[in-house]
Every structure is written in structure tokens, then in C-alpha cells.
Amino acid sequence: MKKIALLTLFSTALLVSAPLVSFADEATGNSSVNVLTDDPVDPVDPVDPVDPVDPVDPVDPVDPVDPTEPTEPTEPTEPTEPTEPTEPTEPTEPSKPTEPSKPTEPNKPTEPSKPTVPNKPVDTNPIENPVNTDTGVVIVAVEDSKPIIQLADGTTKKVEAKEIGANVQKDGTVTVKGSDGKMKVLPKTGETENIALSVLGSLMVLGSAFIFKKRI
């Protein structure tokens, strides 16, 4: 704007000075001629310079937005068939109250079984009746609680009770299992009866019966 104003002033000055130059030339050539001067031109007021406008900052270009892919249309759901109404159930009749069961009679206590009397060993006199043991030994006599056995040749021999599977009791008698499976009691010196063993057997039977009743 300042350059424009200077050019305008310079042009105006040239226009004003041009008639003066031509008038001066004519005056020098013919001094007798009167030159009429034009009216003076009013000077043009200088135009106020316009403030330059600040350049506007360029706007950054906006990145183009990627187009969104179109969403696939959802398939319409098939309408559900209406369910048939259920028939109302008939009310059940109330069950009759059950009669209380009769109390069971208590079982009568069973009578305890009588204790079995153990088989008494058979007293045998080997002198009168030789005893055949379950091992095949023949006892013909007893002396000092030692059985006397008969050998195959007919001779006899005194042996210890344990040698033939027999046992010596506290009273000196000898017990051995016979060939019939029964226990035989042999007197220690040929006695035919054993009173102590009989009494002991009776006491054992009575004691077992008393204990059995006490438990009941």
C-alpha cells in the first residue's frame, strides 16, 4: 500500500510540472507572447495506507474417514408357535388316614438250653481188656503211670506216655484216644475206678451250669 501511495504522488507531481516546463520553453522562444497559465490543480490528498491483513494460517487437511462397512442385515427370527394350554389337573382325593399299627407283643424269653454233659472218659482196665489206640498201639497194662504196650512178636515193653500219644493226668492216670475215637482213662497201677476224676467232672458240670444261669 505504501508503494501505491508513492506512485500516486509521483504521478501527480509529473502532471503538475509538465505545463510549467512547456510554458518555460515557450517563454524563452517568444518573450513577447503572453502565455495564459491554467488554473492550478489542487493537490490530491494522500490515501491512508491500508494495514496489511495478516495471512491466515492454512488449515491442516482433515484425514478422510474410512467408510464403514455396511452391516449385514439380520435374518428375521421365525415366530414361535403358541404353546397349547395345558389342561387343568383334577384335584386328587385326600388319602385316608392310616390306622395306627397295633403294638407288637414282646417276644417271650427263650429258655436257656441245658448245658451238655461232656462225655466222661471210659475207665478201662488194660489187664482185662487191652486198649487199641488211634495210632495202632496195644496197651495191655499201666505201671507207675507208664503204659505197657504189646509188641508185634507178643512181647511187652514199658514206654513213656508221650511216646504213644498218651497224657499223664495230675492224679497219675493215663488218658489216650482209642481206635473208636473216644478218650480212654487207664489207671496208674491197675485201678478200675478213678473217684477223683468223677468228682472233678461233676464239679465242672455244676460250675458251668451256674455260670450260664448267672449270665441270663
Protein backbone atom coordinates (compact mmCIF):
# COMPACT_ATOMS: atom_id res chain seq x y z
CA MET A 1 0.00 0.00 0.00
CA LYS A 2 2.87 2.39 0.69
CA LYS A 3 4.28 1.76 -2.77
CA ILE A 4 0.92 2.57 -4.35
CA ALA A 5 0.74 5.85 -2.40
CA LEU A 6 4.27 6.86 -3.50
CA LEU A 7 3.50 6.08 -7.13
CA THR A 8 0.34 8.19 -6.94
CA LEU A 9 2.24 11.18 -5.51
CA PHE A 10 4.98 10.83 -8.12
CA SER A 11 2.45 10.73 -10.97
CA THR A 12 0.67 13.82 -9.64
CA ALA A 13 3.95 15.74 -9.42
CA LEU A 14 4.77 14.89 -13.03
CA LEU A 15 1.34 16.07 -14.22
CA VAL A 16 1.75 19.39 -12.38
CA SER A 17 5.30 20.01 -13.58
CA ALA A 18 4.61 19.23 -17.29
CA PRO A 19 2.67 22.52 -18.16
CA LEU A 20 5.29 24.56 -16.33
CA VAL A 21 8.07 23.07 -18.42
CA SER A 22 6.20 23.68 -21.64
CA PHE A 23 5.39 27.26 -20.59
CA ALA A 24 9.02 27.96 -19.81
CA ASP A 25 10.05 26.71 -23.21
CA GLU A 26 7.56 28.92 -24.99
CA ALA A 27 8.59 31.95 -22.93
CA THR A 28 12.16 31.56 -23.92
CA GLY A 29 11.28 31.25 -27.60
CA ASN A 30 8.95 34.21 -27.86
CA SER A 31 9.15 36.54 -24.99
CA SER A 32 6.53 38.89 -26.44
CA VAL A 33 3.78 36.32 -26.42
CA ASN A 34 1.74 36.24 -23.28
CA VAL A 35 1.14 32.78 -22.10
CA LEU A 36 -2.00 32.15 -20.21
CA THR A 37 -1.46 29.71 -17.41
CA ASP A 38 -4.04 27.22 -16.47
CA ASP A 39 -5.64 27.23 -13.09
CA PRO A 40 -3.53 25.48 -10.51
CA VAL A 41 -4.60 21.90 -9.82
CA ASP A 42 -5.49 21.12 -6.27
CA PRO A 43 -3.16 18.56 -4.81
CA VAL A 44 -4.71 15.19 -4.19
CA ASP A 45 -4.84 14.16 -0.58
CA PRO A 46 -2.71 11.12 0.02
CA VAL A 47 -4.63 7.99 0.66
CA ASP A 48 -4.11 6.48 4.07
CA PRO A 49 -2.23 3.27 3.72
CA VAL A 50 -4.29 0.20 4.44
CA ASP A 51 -2.96 -2.05 7.15
CA PRO A 52 -1.84 -5.29 5.67
CA VAL A 53 -4.03 -8.21 6.52
CA ASP A 54 -2.25 -10.97 8.43
CA PRO A 55 -2.14 -14.10 6.37
CA VAL A 56 -4.45 -16.79 7.61
CA ASP A 57 -2.70 -19.95 8.73
CA PRO A 58 -3.54 -22.78 6.39
CA VAL A 59 -5.90 -25.28 7.86
CA ASP A 60 -4.50 -28.77 8.12
CA PRO A 61 -6.34 -31.05 5.79
CA VAL A 62 -8.64 -33.42 7.57
CA ASP A 63 -7.80 -37.06 7.02
CA PRO A 64 -10.58 -38.74 5.15
CA VAL A 65 -12.61 -41.04 7.30
CA ASP A 66 -12.60 -44.63 6.12
CA PRO A 67 -16.06 -45.62 5.09
CA THR A 68 -17.63 -48.06 7.49
CA GLU A 69 -18.53 -51.40 6.06
CA PRO A 70 -22.23 -51.88 5.85
CA THR A 71 -23.55 -54.29 8.44
CA GLU A 72 -25.25 -57.36 7.15
CA PRO A 73 -28.94 -57.32 7.82
CA THR A 74 -30.00 -59.76 10.49
CA GLU A 75 -32.28 -62.51 9.38
CA PRO A 76 -35.75 -62.16 10.82
CA THR A 77 -36.48 -64.67 13.54
CA GLU A 78 -39.21 -67.14 12.85
CA PRO A 79 -42.25 -66.56 15.00
CA THR A 80 -42.62 -69.16 17.72
CA GLU A 81 -45.72 -71.24 17.63
CA PRO A 82 -48.01 -70.58 20.56
CA THR A 83 -47.99 -73.38 23.09
CA GLU A 84 -51.22 -75.20 23.66
CA PRO A 85 -52.73 -74.51 27.06
CA THR A 86 -52.35 -77.41 29.45
CA GLU A 87 -55.48 -79.00 30.73
CA PRO A 88 -56.07 -78.39 34.42
CA THR A 89 -55.36 -81.45 36.53
CA GLU A 90 -58.18 -82.86 38.56
CA PRO A 91 -57.69 -82.43 42.30
CA THR A 92 -56.63 -85.66 43.97
CA GLU A 93 -58.77 -87.02 46.74
CA PRO A 94 -57.16 -86.76 50.16
CA SER A 95 -55.77 -90.07 51.32
CA LYS A 96 -57.46 -91.71 54.24
CA PRO A 97 -55.52 -91.62 57.47
CA THR A 98 -53.80 -94.89 58.13
CA GLU A 99 -54.80 -96.74 61.23
CA PRO A 100 -52.07 -96.94 63.83
CA SER A 101 -50.42 -100.31 63.90
CA LYS A 102 -51.03 -102.43 66.94
CA PRO A 103 -48.07 -102.71 69.26
CA THR A 104 -46.28 -105.97 68.81
CA GLU A 105 -46.20 -108.25 71.77
CA PRO A 106 -42.74 -108.61 73.28
CA ASN A 107 -41.06 -111.86 72.47
CA LYS A 108 -41.02 -114.28 75.30
CA PRO A 109 -37.54 -115.03 76.53
CA THR A 110 -36.37 -118.34 75.27
CA GLU A 111 -35.44 -120.88 77.84
CA PRO A 112 -31.69 -121.35 78.05
CA SER A 113 -30.55 -124.60 76.61
CA LYS A 114 -29.30 -127.04 79.13
CA PRO A 115 -25.55 -127.45 79.11
CA THR A 116 -24.47 -130.64 77.51
CA VAL A 117 -22.73 -133.00 79.83
CA PRO A 118 -19.26 -133.77 78.49
CA ASN A 119 -18.64 -137.37 77.69
CA LYS A 120 -16.78 -138.94 80.53
CA PRO A 121 -13.70 -140.83 79.53
CA VAL A 122 -14.28 -144.55 79.78
CA ASP A 123 -12.34 -146.24 82.55
CA THR A 124 -10.64 -149.25 81.10
CA ASN A 125 -8.53 -151.90 82.77
CA PRO A 126 -5.95 -152.84 80.17
CA ILE A 127 -5.20 -156.04 82.07
CA GLU A 128 -8.71 -157.34 81.43
CA ASN A 129 -9.33 -155.52 78.10
CA PRO A 130 -6.28 -154.36 76.11
CA VAL A 131 -6.71 -150.83 74.66
CA ASN A 132 -6.07 -150.21 70.98
CA THR A 133 -5.06 -146.54 70.43
CA ASP A 134 -5.84 -144.49 67.33
CA THR A 135 -2.19 -144.88 66.31
CA GLY A 136 -2.39 -148.72 66.35
CA VAL A 137 -0.58 -149.30 69.67
CA VAL A 138 -1.94 -152.03 72.00
CA ILE A 139 -1.75 -151.13 75.71
CA VAL A 140 -2.00 -154.16 77.99
CA ALA A 141 -1.15 -152.55 81.38
CA VAL A 142 -0.05 -149.39 83.21
CA GLU A 143 2.68 -149.27 85.84
CA ASP A 144 3.65 -146.08 87.67
CA SER A 145 1.73 -144.01 85.06
CA LYS A 146 3.75 -145.63 82.26
CA PRO A 147 1.84 -147.67 79.68
CA ILE A 148 2.98 -151.24 78.93
CA ILE A 149 2.49 -151.97 75.28
CA GLN A 150 2.42 -155.26 73.41
CA LEU A 151 4.83 -155.58 70.51
CA ALA A 152 4.21 -157.42 67.27
CA ASP A 153 6.10 -160.55 68.43
CA GLY A 154 3.88 -160.82 71.53
CA THR A 155 6.40 -159.37 73.99
CA THR A 156 5.62 -156.33 76.18
CA LYS A 157 7.50 -153.09 76.76
CA LYS A 158 7.11 -150.21 79.23
CA VAL A 159 7.21 -146.78 77.49
CA GLU A 160 6.60 -143.16 78.35
CA ALA A 161 3.03 -141.93 77.80
CA LYS A 162 4.13 -139.22 75.34
CA GLU A 163 5.81 -141.83 73.11
CA ILE A 164 2.44 -143.32 72.14
CA GLY A 165 0.43 -140.05 72.17
CA ALA A 166 -0.97 -140.52 75.70
CA ASN A 167 -1.11 -137.95 78.52
CA VAL A 168 -0.47 -138.36 82.24
CA GLN A 169 -3.00 -136.57 84.44
CA LYS A 170 -2.27 -134.94 87.81
CA ASP A 171 -3.73 -137.90 89.67
CA GLY A 172 -1.36 -140.26 87.86
CA THR A 173 -3.90 -141.76 85.48
CA VAL A 174 -3.14 -142.01 81.77
CA THR A 175 -5.56 -140.80 79.08
CA VAL A 176 -5.29 -141.90 75.49
CA LYS A 177 -7.53 -141.74 72.43
CA GLY A 178 -8.81 -145.14 71.42
CA SER A 179 -9.32 -146.55 67.96
CA ASP A 180 -13.07 -145.78 68.31
CA GLY A 181 -12.30 -142.03 68.76
CA LYS A 182 -13.20 -141.98 72.47
CA MET A 183 -10.84 -141.00 75.25
CA LYS A 184 -9.75 -143.87 77.48
CA VAL A 185 -8.64 -143.47 81.11
CA LEU A 186 -6.08 -146.02 82.22
CA PRO A 187 -5.46 -146.46 85.99
CA LYS A 188 -1.90 -145.76 87.05
CA THR A 189 -1.41 -149.17 88.71
CA GLY A 190 -4.32 -151.23 87.51
CA GLU A 191 -7.13 -149.42 89.43
CA THR A 192 -10.51 -149.97 87.86
CA GLU A 193 -12.10 -146.78 89.09
CA ASN A 194 -11.00 -143.18 89.31
CA ILE A 195 -13.05 -141.48 92.02
CA ALA A 196 -11.15 -138.17 91.84
CA LEU A 197 -11.81 -137.80 88.13
CA SER A 198 -15.51 -138.47 88.58
CA VAL A 199 -15.79 -135.85 91.34
CA LEU A 200 -13.89 -133.33 89.24
CA GLY A 201 -16.17 -133.93 86.25
CA SER A 202 -19.27 -133.40 88.39
CA LEU A 203 -17.93 -130.13 89.78
CA MET A 204 -17.18 -128.89 86.27
CA VAL A 205 -20.74 -129.62 85.11
CA LEU A 206 -22.28 -127.84 88.11
CA GLY A 207 -19.96 -124.85 87.71
CA SER A 208 -20.75 -124.41 84.01
CA ALA A 209 -24.50 -124.56 84.73
CA PHE A 210 -24.19 -121.91 87.46
CA ILE A 211 -22.20 -119.54 85.21
CA PHE A 212 -24.71 -119.95 82.38
CA LYS A 213 -27.68 -119.05 84.63
CA LYS A 214 -25.82 -116.05 86.06
CA ARG A 215 -25.29 -114.61 82.57
CA ILE A 216 -29.02 -114.85 81.79
